[in-house]
Protein backbone atom coordinates (compact mmCIF):
# COMPACT_ATOMS: atom_id res chain seq x y z
CA UNK A 1 31.87 -72.87 1.92
CA UNK A 2 33.86 -75.19 4.16
CA UNK A 3 36.47 -77.31 2.38
CA UNK A 4 35.96 -81.02 3.22
CA UNK A 5 38.61 -82.72 5.34
CA UNK A 6 39.33 -86.28 4.19
CA UNK A 7 41.41 -89.01 5.81
CA UNK A 8 43.75 -90.88 3.44
CA UNK A 9 45.46 -93.94 4.93
CA UNK A 10 48.51 -93.86 2.67
CA UNK A 11 51.49 -91.60 2.14
CA UNK A 12 50.77 -88.04 0.98
CA UNK A 13 53.29 -86.43 -1.35
CA UNK A 14 53.34 -82.71 -2.14
CA UNK A 15 53.37 -81.65 -5.83
CA UNK A 16 52.52 -85.14 -7.05
CA UNK A 17 49.35 -86.85 -8.31
CA UNK A 18 48.20 -89.97 -6.46
CA UNK A 19 45.01 -91.98 -6.01
CA UNK A 20 43.03 -91.78 -2.78
CA UNK A 21 42.50 -95.01 -0.88
CA UNK A 22 39.19 -96.83 -1.44
CA UNK A 23 37.38 -95.39 1.61
CA UNK A 24 38.46 -91.83 0.86
CA UNK A 25 37.64 -92.17 -2.85
CA UNK A 26 34.18 -93.56 -2.07
CA UNK A 27 33.47 -90.70 0.33
CA UNK A 28 34.67 -88.05 -2.12
CA UNK A 29 33.20 -89.54 -5.29
CA UNK A 30 29.99 -91.25 -4.19
CA UNK A 31 28.97 -89.56 -0.95
CA UNK A 32 30.07 -85.97 -1.51
CA UNK A 33 29.97 -86.26 -5.33
CA UNK A 34 32.79 -83.79 -5.72
CA UNK A 35 33.76 -83.01 -9.34
CA UNK A 36 37.22 -82.62 -10.83
CA UNK A 37 38.90 -79.42 -9.68
CA UNK A 38 37.29 -79.42 -6.23
CA UNK A 39 39.45 -78.51 -3.24
CA UNK A 40 40.12 -80.89 -0.35
CA UNK A 41 42.13 -80.93 2.83
CA UNK A 42 43.77 -84.31 3.36
CA UNK A 43 45.37 -85.80 6.47
CA UNK A 44 46.84 -89.21 7.24
CA UNK A 45 47.58 -89.06 10.96
CA UNK A 46 51.03 -87.45 10.82
CA UNK A 47 49.89 -84.13 12.31
CA UNK A 48 49.80 -82.20 9.04
CA UNK A 49 47.03 -80.88 6.80
CA UNK A 50 47.53 -81.16 3.05
CA UNK A 51 45.80 -78.76 0.66
CA UNK A 52 44.76 -80.70 -2.44
CA UNK A 53 42.64 -80.53 -5.56
CA UNK A 54 40.92 -83.36 -7.44
CA UNK A 55 42.84 -83.93 -10.67
CA UNK A 56 40.66 -86.76 -12.03
CA UNK A 57 37.73 -88.85 -10.86
CA UNK A 58 35.32 -91.56 -11.91
CA UNK A 59 33.01 -94.01 -10.10
CA UNK A 60 35.86 -96.12 -8.70
CA UNK A 61 38.95 -93.88 -8.57
CA UNK A 62 39.74 -90.37 -7.38
CA UNK A 63 43.17 -88.82 -7.96
CA UNK A 64 44.38 -85.63 -6.33
CA UNK A 65 47.36 -83.31 -6.41
CA UNK A 66 48.64 -81.80 -3.17
CA UNK A 67 49.85 -78.22 -3.30
CA UNK A 68 50.89 -77.58 0.29
CA UNK A 69 51.74 -79.24 3.60
CA UNK A 70 50.83 -77.34 6.76
CA UNK A 71 51.34 -78.21 10.43
CA UNK A 72 48.02 -78.52 12.24
CA UNK A 73 48.30 -77.04 15.78
CA UNK A 74 45.02 -78.31 17.23
CA UNK A 75 46.29 -81.13 19.48
CA UNK A 76 45.92 -80.62 23.21
CA UNK A 77 49.01 -80.71 25.44
CA UNK A 78 47.01 -83.09 27.63
CA UNK A 79 47.38 -86.76 26.68
CA UNK A 80 44.41 -88.86 27.80
CA UNK A 81 44.13 -92.62 27.42
CA UNK A 82 40.45 -93.47 27.92
CA UNK A 83 39.49 -96.93 29.11
CA UNK A 84 35.77 -97.09 28.34
CA UNK A 85 33.52 -99.87 29.61
CA UNK A 86 31.64 -101.23 26.61
CA UNK A 87 27.98 -100.21 26.55
CA UNK A 88 25.05 -101.37 24.44
CA UNK A 89 23.51 -99.89 21.32
CA UNK A 90 25.01 -96.73 19.91
CA UNK A 91 26.17 -95.40 23.28
CA UNK A 92 29.68 -96.77 22.78
CA UNK A 93 29.90 -95.24 19.29
CA UNK A 94 28.77 -91.90 20.74
CA UNK A 95 31.31 -92.02 23.57
CA UNK A 96 34.19 -92.76 21.18
CA UNK A 97 33.13 -90.05 18.72
CA UNK A 98 32.84 -87.33 21.33
CA UNK A 99 35.98 -88.39 23.22
CA UNK A 100 37.97 -87.96 20.01
CA UNK A 101 36.40 -84.55 19.37
CA UNK A 102 37.45 -83.54 22.90
CA UNK A 103 41.07 -84.53 22.27
CA UNK A 104 41.80 -87.98 23.72
CA UNK A 105 44.91 -89.66 22.33
CA UNK A 106 44.07 -93.34 22.93
CA UNK A 107 40.93 -95.38 23.63
CA UNK A 108 40.67 -98.93 24.90
CA UNK A 109 37.18 -100.53 25.00
CA UNK A 110 36.87 -102.66 28.13
CA UNK A 111 34.90 -105.80 28.95
CA UNK A 112 33.51 -105.52 32.48
CA UNK A 113 31.14 -107.52 34.66
CA UNK A 114 28.17 -105.32 33.77
CA UNK A 115 28.94 -104.38 30.17
CA UNK A 116 26.04 -106.52 28.88
CA UNK A 117 27.63 -106.92 25.42
CA UNK A 118 28.75 -110.27 24.01
CA UNK A 119 31.47 -109.86 21.38
CA UNK A 120 34.09 -112.30 20.22
CA UNK A 121 35.84 -113.58 17.12
CA UNK A 122 34.82 -111.95 13.85
CA UNK A 123 32.10 -109.82 15.47
CA UNK A 124 34.65 -108.29 17.83
CA UNK A 125 37.11 -107.66 14.99
CA UNK A 126 34.42 -105.89 12.95
CA UNK A 127 33.32 -103.81 15.92
CA UNK A 128 36.91 -102.72 16.60
CA UNK A 129 37.24 -101.70 12.95
CA UNK A 130 33.98 -99.75 13.21
CA UNK A 131 35.19 -97.93 16.33
CA UNK A 132 38.43 -96.93 14.59
CA UNK A 133 36.45 -95.58 11.62
CA UNK A 134 34.32 -93.55 14.04
CA UNK A 135 37.52 -92.06 15.46
CA UNK A 136 38.71 -91.16 11.95
CA UNK A 137 35.36 -89.56 11.10
CA UNK A 138 35.50 -87.54 14.33
CA UNK A 139 38.94 -86.25 13.32
CA UNK A 140 37.60 -85.23 9.91
CA UNK A 141 34.80 -83.29 11.60
CA UNK A 142 36.76 -81.74 14.48
CA UNK A 143 39.86 -80.67 12.55
CA UNK A 144 42.36 -83.06 14.13
CA UNK A 145 45.20 -84.45 12.01
CA UNK A 146 46.46 -87.06 14.49
CA UNK A 147 44.08 -90.01 14.70
CA UNK A 148 43.70 -91.55 18.18
CA UNK A 149 44.31 -95.28 18.31
CA UNK A 150 41.30 -97.38 19.29
CA UNK A 151 42.96 -100.45 20.75
CA UNK A 152 41.38 -103.91 20.54
CA UNK A 153 38.85 -104.48 23.32
CA UNK A 154 40.24 -106.31 26.36
CA UNK A 155 39.05 -107.27 29.87
CA UNK A 156 39.26 -104.52 32.48
CA UNK A 157 41.74 -106.55 34.54
CA UNK A 158 44.20 -106.72 31.63
CA UNK A 159 44.08 -102.95 31.15
CA UNK A 160 44.56 -102.26 34.86
CA UNK A 161 47.64 -104.50 34.85
CA UNK A 162 49.42 -102.46 32.15
CA UNK A 163 52.47 -100.63 33.48
CA UNK A 164 52.30 -96.85 33.03
CA UNK A 165 53.51 -93.62 34.64
CA UNK A 166 50.28 -91.79 33.74
CA UNK A 167 48.07 -90.25 36.42
CA UNK A 168 45.35 -92.89 36.91
CA UNK A 169 41.80 -91.71 37.48
CA UNK A 170 38.39 -93.31 37.88
CA UNK A 171 35.01 -91.89 38.81
CA UNK A 172 33.53 -92.49 42.24
CA UNK A 173 30.41 -90.71 43.54
CA UNK A 174 31.73 -90.59 47.13
CA UNK A 175 35.35 -89.71 46.38
CA UNK A 176 37.03 -86.92 48.33
CA UNK A 177 39.03 -85.70 45.33
CA UNK A 178 37.78 -83.68 42.40
CA UNK A 179 39.60 -82.65 39.24
CA UNK A 180 40.30 -79.27 40.85
CA UNK A 181 42.20 -80.91 43.73
CA UNK A 182 44.49 -82.99 41.50
CA UNK A 183 48.17 -82.19 41.07
CA UNK A 184 48.63 -81.03 37.43
CA UNK A 185 49.67 -83.80 35.08
CA UNK A 186 49.70 -83.86 31.27
CA UNK A 187 49.52 -87.66 30.98
CA UNK A 188 46.30 -89.21 32.25
CA UNK A 189 44.74 -92.68 32.17
CA UNK A 190 40.98 -92.41 32.75
CA UNK A 191 38.73 -95.42 33.23
CA UNK A 192 34.94 -95.18 32.92
CA UNK A 193 32.53 -97.97 33.84
CA UNK A 194 29.70 -99.31 31.65
CA UNK A 195 25.97 -98.94 32.17
CA UNK A 196 25.36 -99.88 35.79
CA UNK A 197 28.92 -98.90 36.73
CA UNK A 198 31.71 -101.07 38.06
CA UNK A 199 31.02 -103.86 40.51
CA UNK A 200 32.41 -103.57 44.03
CA UNK A 201 35.13 -106.05 43.11
CA UNK A 202 36.12 -103.98 40.07
CA UNK A 203 36.23 -100.80 42.15
CA UNK A 204 38.55 -102.60 44.54
CA UNK A 205 40.72 -103.70 41.61
CA UNK A 206 40.99 -100.15 40.22
CA UNK A 207 42.07 -98.86 43.64
CA UNK A 208 44.63 -101.66 43.98
CA UNK A 209 46.00 -100.72 40.54
CA UNK A 210 46.68 -97.17 41.75
CA UNK A 211 43.64 -95.37 40.33
CA UNK A 212 42.49 -92.29 42.26
CA UNK A 213 38.75 -91.90 42.64
CA UNK A 214 37.33 -88.52 41.68
CA UNK A 215 33.78 -87.20 41.73
CA UNK A 216 32.18 -84.88 39.17
CA UNK A 217 29.35 -83.55 41.28
CA UNK A 218 26.14 -84.57 43.04
CA UNK A 219 24.30 -85.99 40.01
CA UNK A 220 24.57 -89.54 38.66
CA UNK A 221 25.62 -89.52 35.00
CA UNK A 222 25.12 -92.12 32.29
CA UNK A 223 28.30 -93.83 31.13
CA UNK A 224 28.64 -91.85 27.91
CA UNK A 225 27.86 -88.58 29.72
CA UNK A 226 30.36 -89.36 32.47
CA UNK A 227 33.20 -89.91 29.99
CA UNK A 228 32.55 -86.68 28.12
CA UNK A 229 32.09 -84.64 31.30
CA UNK A 230 35.32 -85.95 32.82
CA UNK A 231 37.33 -85.36 29.64
CA UNK A 232 35.92 -81.85 29.26
CA UNK A 233 36.74 -81.00 32.87
CA UNK A 234 40.29 -82.37 32.50
CA UNK A 235 40.83 -80.37 29.31
CA UNK A 236 39.53 -77.26 31.04
CA UNK A 237 41.77 -77.75 34.08
CA UNK A 238 44.98 -79.03 32.43
CA UNK A 239 44.51 -78.84 28.65
CA UNK A 240 43.40 -76.29 26.07
CA UNK A 241 39.65 -76.06 26.54
CA UNK A 242 38.87 -72.38 27.13
């Protein structure tokens, strides 16, 4: 039986009892209903796995003792910062979840002309928190011990203006370049448009910001499919996807 992997937001100390944070305790105690003595694998984003066992538990508190710290060698050598145009419904959640499973290191949700989603104030704060939790859950499922940062959502123009030495890529159905023609680079900034794609003005802005247009093939892909296909192809070409 697979040992559950649980994210704990605080410090993890080997050979010492400590209480799990509220989210972890709720997941262990109320969702999984794990009894005292059960084994866990904990992680907190530092790149290590921690073998642990539940030492005590009740409805509100779960304490564990960690027996071992082990380096987790699952991170790709390819560092991808995904700028994802915000889409409606659960498509954005899906794109973030799968991007994390495929190994991205950072995600920035982007407001674009055609994103069709109105978020501001408290609603935007809550949505950003939800997206970060989705990233954590994807790490629990996929075996990662470094949690990608989901940055606060910003306008596309602000993201394009950020100074970086990463290889900048965007998707364009009529581009001459493909991922196979790119010069190898382990640091990539990939921007994906929302439903309906980027406007002509936004495509012009991405080009002016130094983004190279690449095409993935003859078929038109939905926004969430395009992100996952591009990340998979990049990992296959430059990363660790076999």
